Amino acid sequence: MNRRQWLSTVGLAAPLLWLSGCGRQANSSANAMASTGQPFEALELSEAQWREILSPEAFRVLRDEGTERSGSSPLDKIYEPGFYVCAGCNLSLFSSEHKYDSGTGWPSFWQPIDDRHIGTKRDYKLIWPRTEYHCARCGGHQGHVFDDGPRPTGQRWCNNGVALRFIPDGEPLPALRTSA
């Protein structure tokens, strides 16, 4: 096989290899809802109910899997002790003990509070596959997890700030949302 034939073969095979992974789920069901045995009940609301609860930007991120502009969230610069809960259903997702400055312009954590609070799936919206994560209770899109974070996990849970609420230490955690 000459060089031109080899390059043509590789050029045709690369997209097929990439596409062969499309649609596979990593760690959760397609809608990232809670599985059986979870310490909470799944929250399922209609689109109209979510629109009543959430701001237009929060709806775009949480329900339509959008991404907020880098550097736009004040949560990126908060490092005081506390907890970060899902802006949709109030499930605790992250602790300030696991937060760090990733330099990306989004709040970043090296691990979630509890793996059962997070659902993941493969995201092929860009050229390379990424792992997208959601709140396991309401399915709200939070962000993406990457393998370029600090020790001890080496992970960077890069979150949309509009998808979270910060609850400072000393304040009670909000009750889990049960309806609109």
C-alpha atoms as a PDB file:
ATOM      1  CA  MET A   1       0.000   0.000   0.000  1.00  0.00           C
ATOM      2  CA  ASN A   2       1.471   3.337  -0.998  1.00  0.00           C
ATOM      3  CA  ARG A   3       1.376   6.439   1.179  1.00  0.00           C
ATOM      4  CA  ARG A   4      -1.636   7.985  -0.607  1.00  0.00           C
ATOM      5  CA  GLN A   5      -3.723   4.806  -0.170  1.00  0.00           C
ATOM      6  CA  TRP A   6      -2.722   4.552   3.481  1.00  0.00           C
ATOM      7  CA  LEU A   7      -3.684   8.188   4.188  1.00  0.00           C
ATOM      8  CA  SER A   8      -7.003   7.732   2.405  1.00  0.00           C
ATOM      9  CA  THR A   9      -7.766   4.618   4.450  1.00  0.00           C
ATOM     10  CA  VAL A  10      -6.904   6.327   7.717  1.00  0.00           C
ATOM     11  CA  GLY A  11      -8.867   9.424   6.705  1.00  0.00           C
ATOM     12  CA  LEU A  12     -11.982   7.357   6.022  1.00  0.00           C
ATOM     13  CA  ALA A  13     -11.608   5.109   9.067  1.00  0.00           C
ATOM     14  CA  ALA A  14     -11.121   7.843  11.684  1.00  0.00           C
ATOM     15  CA  PRO A  15     -14.691   9.246  11.467  1.00  0.00           C
ATOM     16  CA  LEU A  16     -16.116   5.725  11.555  1.00  0.00           C
ATOM     17  CA  LEU A  17     -14.203   4.901  14.733  1.00  0.00           C
ATOM     18  CA  TRP A  18     -15.400   8.121  16.338  1.00  0.00           C
ATOM     19  CA  LEU A  19     -19.018   7.573  15.260  1.00  0.00           C
ATOM     20  CA  SER A  20     -19.023   3.977  16.486  1.00  0.00           C
ATOM     21  CA  GLY A  21     -19.074   5.278  20.073  1.00  0.00           C
ATOM     22  CA  CYS A  22     -22.010   7.659  19.522  1.00  0.00           C
ATOM     23  CA  GLY A  23     -25.020   6.892  21.625  1.00  0.00           C
ATOM     24  CA  ARG A  24     -23.236   4.824  24.262  1.00  0.00           C
ATOM     25  CA  GLN A  25     -23.968   5.758  27.832  1.00  0.00           C
ATOM     26  CA  ALA A  26     -21.249   5.880  30.502  1.00  0.00           C
ATOM     27  CA  ASN A  27     -22.561   5.225  34.025  1.00  0.00           C
ATOM     28  CA  SER A  28     -26.233   6.130  33.824  1.00  0.00           C
ATOM     29  CA  SER A  29     -29.447   6.036  31.879  1.00  0.00           C
ATOM     30  CA  ALA A  30     -29.865   8.385  28.937  1.00  0.00           C
ATOM     31  CA  ASN A  31     -31.782  10.965  30.934  1.00  0.00           C
ATOM     32  CA  ALA A  32     -29.474  10.717  33.974  1.00  0.00           C
ATOM     33  CA  MET A  33     -32.347  10.128  36.384  1.00  0.00           C
ATOM     34  CA  ALA A  34     -31.885   8.322  39.670  1.00  0.00           C
ATOM     35  CA  SER A  35     -31.733   4.558  39.546  1.00  0.00           C
ATOM     36  CA  THR A  36     -33.398   2.258  42.031  1.00  0.00           C
ATOM     37  CA  GLY A  37     -31.801   2.128  45.440  1.00  0.00           C
ATOM     38  CA  GLN A  38     -31.016   5.854  45.509  1.00  0.00           C
ATOM     39  CA  PRO A  39     -31.432   7.709  48.832  1.00  0.00           C
ATOM     40  CA  PHE A  40     -33.969  10.046  47.176  1.00  0.00           C
ATOM     41  CA  GLU A  41     -36.899   9.965  44.770  1.00  0.00           C
ATOM     42  CA  ALA A  42     -36.470  11.248  41.234  1.00  0.00           C
ATOM     43  CA  LEU A  43     -38.071  14.618  40.538  1.00  0.00           C
ATOM     44  CA  GLU A  44     -39.909  14.759  37.244  1.00  0.00           C
ATOM     45  CA  LEU A  45     -41.585  18.013  36.231  1.00  0.00           C
ATOM     46  CA  SER A  46     -43.045  19.177  32.938  1.00  0.00           C
ATOM     47  CA  GLU A  47     -41.240  21.703  30.764  1.00  0.00           C
ATOM     48  CA  ALA A  48     -43.816  24.331  31.774  1.00  0.00           C
ATOM     49  CA  GLN A  49     -43.183  23.638  35.485  1.00  0.00           C
ATOM     50  CA  TRP A  50     -39.407  23.941  35.006  1.00  0.00           C
ATOM     51  CA  ARG A  51     -39.906  27.255  33.170  1.00  0.00           C
ATOM     52  CA  GLU A  52     -41.893  28.567  36.186  1.00  0.00           C
ATOM     53  CA  ILE A  53     -39.079  27.647  38.590  1.00  0.00           C
ATOM     54  CA  LEU A  54     -35.934  28.527  36.638  1.00  0.00           C
ATOM     55  CA  SER A  55     -34.616  31.711  35.059  1.00  0.00           C
ATOM     56  CA  PRO A  56     -34.330  31.534  31.247  1.00  0.00           C
ATOM     57  CA  GLU A  57     -30.538  31.025  31.510  1.00  0.00           C
ATOM     58  CA  ALA A  58     -30.872  28.324  34.182  1.00  0.00           C
ATOM     59  CA  PHE A  59     -33.510  26.580  32.044  1.00  0.00           C
ATOM     60  CA  ARG A  60     -31.218  26.701  28.990  1.00  0.00           C
ATOM     61  CA  VAL A  61     -28.372  25.092  30.947  1.00  0.00           C
ATOM     62  CA  LEU A  62     -30.240  22.652  33.212  1.00  0.00           C
ATOM     63  CA  ARG A  63     -32.976  21.474  30.840  1.00  0.00           C
ATOM     64  CA  ASP A  64     -31.463  22.049  27.354  1.00  0.00           C
ATOM     65  CA  GLU A  65     -27.869  21.074  28.255  1.00  0.00           C
ATOM     66  CA  GLY A  66     -26.510  24.514  27.454  1.00  0.00           C
ATOM     67  CA  THR A  67     -23.273  26.072  28.693  1.00  0.00           C
ATOM     68  CA  GLU A  68     -22.971  29.455  30.344  1.00  0.00           C
ATOM     69  CA  ARG A  69     -20.253  31.860  29.245  1.00  0.00           C
ATOM     70  CA  SER A  70     -16.912  31.267  30.954  1.00  0.00           C
ATOM     71  CA  GLY A  71     -16.254  33.725  33.780  1.00  0.00           C
ATOM     72  CA  SER A  72     -19.902  34.774  34.055  1.00  0.00           C
ATOM     73  CA  SER A  73     -20.720  33.026  37.340  1.00  0.00           C
ATOM     74  CA  PRO A  74     -19.902  34.623  40.696  1.00  0.00           C
ATOM     75  CA  LEU A  75     -19.741  31.071  42.119  1.00  0.00           C
ATOM     76  CA  ASP A  76     -16.401  30.605  40.373  1.00  0.00           C
ATOM     77  CA  LYS A  77     -14.760  32.959  42.899  1.00  0.00           C
ATOM     78  CA  ILE A  78     -16.500  31.730  46.076  1.00  0.00           C
ATOM     79  CA  TYR A  79     -14.192  29.674  48.296  1.00  0.00           C
ATOM     80  CA  GLU A  80     -15.818  30.036  51.693  1.00  0.00           C
ATOM     81  CA  PRO A  81     -16.997  26.868  53.476  1.00  0.00           C
ATOM     82  CA  GLY A  82     -20.341  25.518  52.348  1.00  0.00           C
ATOM     83  CA  PHE A  83     -22.199  23.314  49.921  1.00  0.00           C
ATOM     84  CA  TYR A  84     -23.260  23.572  46.302  1.00  0.00           C
ATOM     85  CA  VAL A  85     -26.737  22.229  45.549  1.00  0.00           C
ATOM     86  CA  CYS A  86     -28.531  21.645  42.253  1.00  0.00           C
ATOM     87  CA  ALA A  87     -30.374  24.842  41.279  1.00  0.00           C
ATOM     88  CA  GLY A  88     -33.236  22.707  39.989  1.00  0.00           C
ATOM     89  CA  CYS A  89     -34.024  20.368  42.878  1.00  0.00           C
ATOM     90  CA  ASN A  90     -31.690  21.330  45.786  1.00  0.00           C
ATOM     91  CA  LEU A  91     -29.816  18.013  45.910  1.00  0.00           C
ATOM     92  CA  SER A  92     -26.335  18.497  47.422  1.00  0.00           C
ATOM     93  CA  LEU A  93     -23.749  17.917  44.699  1.00  0.00           C
ATOM     94  CA  PHE A  94     -20.434  19.422  45.853  1.00  0.00           C
ATOM     95  CA  SER A  95     -18.655  20.630  48.981  1.00  0.00           C
ATOM     96  CA  SER A  96     -16.383  23.662  49.124  1.00  0.00           C
ATOM     97  CA  GLU A  97     -13.761  21.267  50.560  1.00  0.00           C
ATOM     98  CA  HIS A  98     -13.459  19.786  47.062  1.00  0.00           C
ATOM     99  CA  LYS A  99     -13.460  23.068  45.126  1.00  0.00           C
ATOM    100  CA  TYR A 100     -10.385  24.510  43.420  1.00  0.00           C
ATOM    101  CA  ASP A 101      -9.492  27.223  40.921  1.00  0.00           C
ATOM    102  CA  SER A 102      -9.120  25.441  37.584  1.00  0.00           C
ATOM    103  CA  GLY A 103      -8.519  28.695  35.708  1.00  0.00           C
ATOM    104  CA  THR A 104     -11.349  27.850  33.293  1.00  0.00           C
ATOM    105  CA  GLY A 105     -13.855  30.471  34.454  1.00  0.00           C
ATOM    106  CA  TRP A 106     -16.315  27.850  35.754  1.00  0.00           C
ATOM    107  CA  PRO A 107     -16.683  26.511  39.307  1.00  0.00           C
ATOM    108  CA  SER A 108     -14.591  23.325  39.445  1.00  0.00           C
ATOM    109  CA  PHE A 109     -14.386  20.484  41.942  1.00  0.00           C
ATOM    110  CA  TRP A 110     -12.169  17.418  42.211  1.00  0.00           C
ATOM    111  CA  GLN A 111     -15.008  15.157  43.349  1.00  0.00           C
ATOM    112  CA  PRO A 112     -18.772  15.233  44.028  1.00  0.00           C
ATOM    113  CA  ILE A 113     -20.220  14.808  47.531  1.00  0.00           C
ATOM    114  CA  ASP A 114     -21.653  11.400  46.616  1.00  0.00           C
ATOM    115  CA  ASP A 115     -21.301   9.504  43.326  1.00  0.00           C
ATOM    116  CA  ARG A 116     -24.977   8.525  43.634  1.00  0.00           C
ATOM    117  CA  HIS A 117     -25.932  12.208  43.285  1.00  0.00           C
ATOM    118  CA  ILE A 118     -24.436  12.392  39.782  1.00  0.00           C
ATOM    119  CA  GLY A 119     -25.461  10.715  36.535  1.00  0.00           C
ATOM    120  CA  THR A 120     -23.127  10.693  33.531  1.00  0.00           C
ATOM    121  CA  LYS A 121     -23.370  10.124  29.805  1.00  0.00           C
ATOM    122  CA  ARG A 122     -21.116  10.502  26.774  1.00  0.00           C
ATOM    123  CA  ASP A 123     -21.432  13.811  24.954  1.00  0.00           C
ATOM    124  CA  TYR A 124     -20.485  13.978  21.274  1.00  0.00           C
ATOM    125  CA  LYS A 125     -21.550  17.601  20.639  1.00  0.00           C
ATOM    126  CA  LEU A 126     -17.950  18.637  19.967  1.00  0.00           C
ATOM    127  CA  ILE A 127     -15.350  16.849  17.866  1.00  0.00           C
ATOM    128  CA  TRP A 128     -14.068  14.668  20.729  1.00  0.00           C
ATOM    129  CA  PRO A 129     -16.219  12.689  23.174  1.00  0.00           C
ATOM    130  CA  ARG A 130     -16.665  14.127  26.652  1.00  0.00           C
ATOM    131  CA  THR A 131     -18.354  12.898  29.823  1.00  0.00           C
ATOM    132  CA  GLU A 132     -21.341  15.061  30.661  1.00  0.00           C
ATOM    133  CA  TYR A 133     -22.861  14.921  34.116  1.00  0.00           C
ATOM    134  CA  HIS A 134     -26.302  15.650  35.490  1.00  0.00           C
ATOM    135  CA  CYS A 135     -28.044  15.817  38.828  1.00  0.00           C
ATOM    136  CA  ALA A 136     -29.185  12.233  39.413  1.00  0.00           C
ATOM    137  CA  ARG A 137     -32.411  13.417  41.044  1.00  0.00           C
ATOM    138  CA  CYS A 138     -33.852  15.856  38.473  1.00  0.00           C
ATOM    139  CA  GLY A 139     -31.681  15.184  35.435  1.00  0.00           C
ATOM    140  CA  GLY A 140     -30.512  18.822  35.315  1.00  0.00           C
ATOM    141  CA  HIS A 141     -27.341  19.290  33.226  1.00  0.00           C
ATOM    142  CA  GLN A 142     -24.451  20.473  35.392  1.00  0.00           C
ATOM    143  CA  GLY A 143     -21.318  20.307  33.242  1.00  0.00           C
ATOM    144  CA  HIS A 144     -18.532  17.964  32.143  1.00  0.00           C
ATOM    145  CA  VAL A 145     -15.907  15.942  33.978  1.00  0.00           C
ATOM    146  CA  PHE A 146     -12.333  15.781  32.684  1.00  0.00           C
ATOM    147  CA  ASP A 147      -9.236  13.843  33.729  1.00  0.00           C
ATOM    148  CA  ASP A 148      -6.991  16.904  34.128  1.00  0.00           C
ATOM    149  CA  GLY A 149      -7.760  17.867  37.729  1.00  0.00           C
ATOM    150  CA  PRO A 150      -5.710  17.882  40.920  1.00  0.00           C
ATOM    151  CA  ARG A 151      -4.919  15.049  43.297  1.00  0.00           C
ATOM    152  CA  PRO A 152      -6.211  12.905  44.793  1.00  0.00           C
ATOM    153  CA  THR A 153      -8.746  12.087  42.032  1.00  0.00           C
ATOM    154  CA  GLY A 154      -7.149  13.773  39.015  1.00  0.00           C
ATOM    155  CA  GLN A 155     -10.651  14.855  37.984  1.00  0.00           C
ATOM    156  CA  ARG A 156     -12.067  18.272  37.108  1.00  0.00           C
ATOM    157  CA  TRP A 157     -15.810  18.473  37.569  1.00  0.00           C
ATOM    158  CA  CYS A 158     -16.366  21.668  35.574  1.00  0.00           C
ATOM    159  CA  ASN A 159     -19.798  23.040  36.497  1.00  0.00           C
ATOM    160  CA  ASN A 160     -22.064  25.718  35.115  1.00  0.00           C
ATOM    161  CA  GLY A 161     -22.528  28.185  37.969  1.00  0.00           C
ATOM    162  CA  VAL A 162     -26.142  28.891  37.012  1.00  0.00           C
ATOM    163  CA  ALA A 163     -26.872  25.177  37.602  1.00  0.00           C
ATOM    164  CA  LEU A 164     -25.817  25.462  41.273  1.00  0.00           C
ATOM    165  CA  ARG A 165     -26.774  27.362  44.411  1.00  0.00           C
ATOM    166  CA  PHE A 166     -24.187  27.998  47.128  1.00  0.00           C
ATOM    167  CA  ILE A 167     -25.277  27.410  50.722  1.00  0.00           C
ATOM    168  CA  PRO A 168     -22.724  28.799  53.240  1.00  0.00           C
ATOM    169  CA  ASP A 169     -21.775  26.752  56.307  1.00  0.00           C
ATOM    170  CA  GLY A 170     -24.112  27.538  59.175  1.00  0.00           C
ATOM    171  CA  GLU A 171     -27.153  27.906  56.929  1.00  0.00           C
ATOM    172  CA  PRO A 172     -29.475  24.910  56.686  1.00  0.00           C
ATOM    173  CA  LEU A 173     -29.526  23.066  53.393  1.00  0.00           C
ATOM    174  CA  PRO A 174     -32.771  23.700  51.505  1.00  0.00           C
ATOM    175  CA  ALA A 175     -35.380  20.939  51.470  1.00  0.00           C
ATOM    176  CA  LEU A 176     -35.407  18.858  48.318  1.00  0.00           C
ATOM    177  CA  ARG A 177     -37.881  20.312  45.829  1.00  0.00           C
ATOM    178  CA  THR A 178     -40.973  18.161  45.468  1.00  0.00           C
ATOM    179  CA  SER A 179     -43.009  20.199  42.951  1.00  0.00           C
ATOM    180  CA  ALA A 180     -43.057  23.458  40.998  1.00  0.00           C
END
